[in-house]
């Protein structure tokens, strides 16, 4: 799992308002209940959004949806987006959020 986008999402969207975790945990349960049927949901944030399906979560920078013209780049350069998108299994994502929640409740 490339984790950078999840950390950036957490810092940009959740750190200031940890109560936003409750609807995300609820969505995780909806995803599980939908299995094996197809299910999708999106949590749009200011900088990053989460995309859920029944077994996977994707964190993606919103600016990746903007039109980008490769011809505008100088020769020898390329667009770097490796830290702007990440995928994670639903169970691992839930564990990540619970660990973050525990950390915040314990140390803040």
Protein backbone atom coordinates (compact mmCIF):
# COMPACT_ATOMS: atom_id res chain seq x y z
CA UNK A 1 0.00 0.00 0.00
CA UNK A 2 1.40 3.38 -0.97
CA UNK A 3 0.36 5.26 2.10
CA UNK A 4 1.36 8.85 1.40
CA UNK A 5 -2.03 9.94 0.05
CA UNK A 6 -3.80 8.47 3.09
CA UNK A 7 -1.56 10.45 5.44
CA UNK A 8 -2.09 13.61 3.39
CA UNK A 9 -5.86 13.02 3.38
CA UNK A 10 -5.84 12.54 7.16
CA UNK A 11 -3.84 15.72 7.73
CA UNK A 12 -5.85 17.82 5.27
CA UNK A 13 -9.36 16.59 5.99
CA UNK A 14 -9.58 15.01 9.45
CA UNK A 15 -6.99 16.52 11.80
CA UNK A 16 -8.96 19.76 12.29
CA UNK A 17 -12.27 17.92 12.78
CA UNK A 18 -11.88 14.33 14.06
CA UNK A 19 -15.67 14.01 14.39
CA UNK A 20 -15.68 13.44 10.63
CA UNK A 21 -14.46 9.92 11.34
CA UNK A 22 -17.91 8.78 12.53
CA UNK A 23 -19.58 8.91 9.09
CA UNK A 24 -16.53 7.24 7.57
CA UNK A 25 -16.78 4.33 10.03
CA UNK A 26 -20.50 4.12 9.20
CA UNK A 27 -19.64 3.95 5.51
CA UNK A 28 -17.20 1.12 6.14
CA UNK A 29 -20.06 -0.85 7.70
CA UNK A 30 -22.29 -0.12 4.69
CA UNK A 31 -19.56 -1.42 2.41
CA UNK A 32 -19.35 -4.65 4.39
CA UNK A 33 -23.12 -5.07 4.41
CA UNK A 34 -23.26 -4.66 0.63
CA UNK A 35 -20.75 -7.44 -0.04
CA UNK A 36 -20.78 -9.30 -2.48
CA UNK A 37 -22.87 -6.73 -4.36
CA UNK A 38 -21.26 -3.72 -5.99
CA UNK A 39 -21.27 -0.62 -3.78
CA UNK A 40 -19.57 2.75 -4.13
CA UNK A 41 -19.43 5.93 -2.09
CA UNK A 42 -17.37 9.13 -2.21
CA UNK A 43 -16.39 11.48 0.61
CA UNK A 44 -15.32 14.69 -1.09
CA UNK A 45 -12.88 16.82 0.85
CA UNK A 46 -11.24 20.18 0.29
CA UNK A 47 -7.95 18.70 -0.94
CA UNK A 48 -8.41 14.91 -0.95
CA UNK A 49 -11.40 12.64 -1.46
CA UNK A 50 -12.06 9.06 -0.41
CA UNK A 51 -13.62 6.56 -2.79
CA UNK A 52 -15.14 3.42 -1.25
CA UNK A 53 -16.29 0.20 -2.77
CA UNK A 54 -17.18 -3.04 -1.01
CA UNK A 55 -13.57 -4.09 -0.35
CA UNK A 56 -11.22 -1.20 -1.12
CA UNK A 57 -10.65 2.48 -0.35
CA UNK A 58 -8.85 4.98 -2.55
CA UNK A 59 -7.53 8.34 -1.37
CA UNK A 60 -7.00 10.73 -4.25
CA UNK A 61 -5.96 14.36 -4.49
CA UNK A 62 -8.76 16.43 -5.99
CA UNK A 63 -6.32 18.24 -8.26
CA UNK A 64 -5.71 15.00 -10.20
CA UNK A 65 -9.11 15.50 -11.82
CA UNK A 66 -8.00 18.82 -13.30
CA UNK A 67 -7.12 18.84 -16.96
CA UNK A 68 -3.38 18.64 -17.50
CA UNK A 69 -1.64 19.28 -20.77
CA UNK A 70 1.60 17.33 -21.21
CA UNK A 71 2.65 19.76 -23.92
CA UNK A 72 2.95 22.55 -21.32
CA UNK A 73 5.74 20.69 -19.53
CA UNK A 74 9.30 21.53 -20.39
CA UNK A 75 11.27 18.84 -22.14
CA UNK A 76 12.65 16.24 -19.74
CA UNK A 77 10.00 16.87 -17.07
CA UNK A 78 7.03 14.74 -16.22
CA UNK A 79 4.03 15.10 -13.91
CA UNK A 80 4.65 13.44 -10.52
CA UNK A 81 1.55 12.16 -8.80
CA UNK A 82 2.85 9.14 -6.88
CA UNK A 83 1.98 10.69 -3.50
CA UNK A 84 -1.42 11.91 -4.67
CA UNK A 85 -3.27 8.60 -4.93
CA UNK A 86 -3.26 5.44 -2.83
CA UNK A 87 -5.31 2.27 -2.44
CA UNK A 88 -5.98 0.19 0.65
CA UNK A 89 -8.15 -2.73 1.63
CA UNK A 90 -11.25 -1.86 3.64
CA UNK A 91 -10.10 -3.77 6.74
CA UNK A 92 -6.64 -2.19 6.72
CA UNK A 93 -8.16 1.26 6.29
CA UNK A 94 -10.44 0.71 9.26
CA UNK A 95 -7.46 -0.40 11.38
CA UNK A 96 -5.55 2.72 10.29
CA UNK A 97 -8.43 4.99 11.33
CA UNK A 98 -8.92 3.22 14.65
CA UNK A 99 -5.20 3.53 15.41
CA UNK A 100 -5.34 7.24 14.58
CA UNK A 101 -8.44 7.68 16.73
CA UNK A 102 -6.75 5.89 19.64
CA UNK A 103 -3.63 8.04 19.24
CA UNK A 104 -5.65 11.28 19.28
CA UNK A 105 -7.70 10.21 22.31
CA UNK A 106 -4.60 9.08 24.21
CA UNK A 107 -2.07 11.79 23.43
CA UNK A 108 -4.04 14.95 22.63
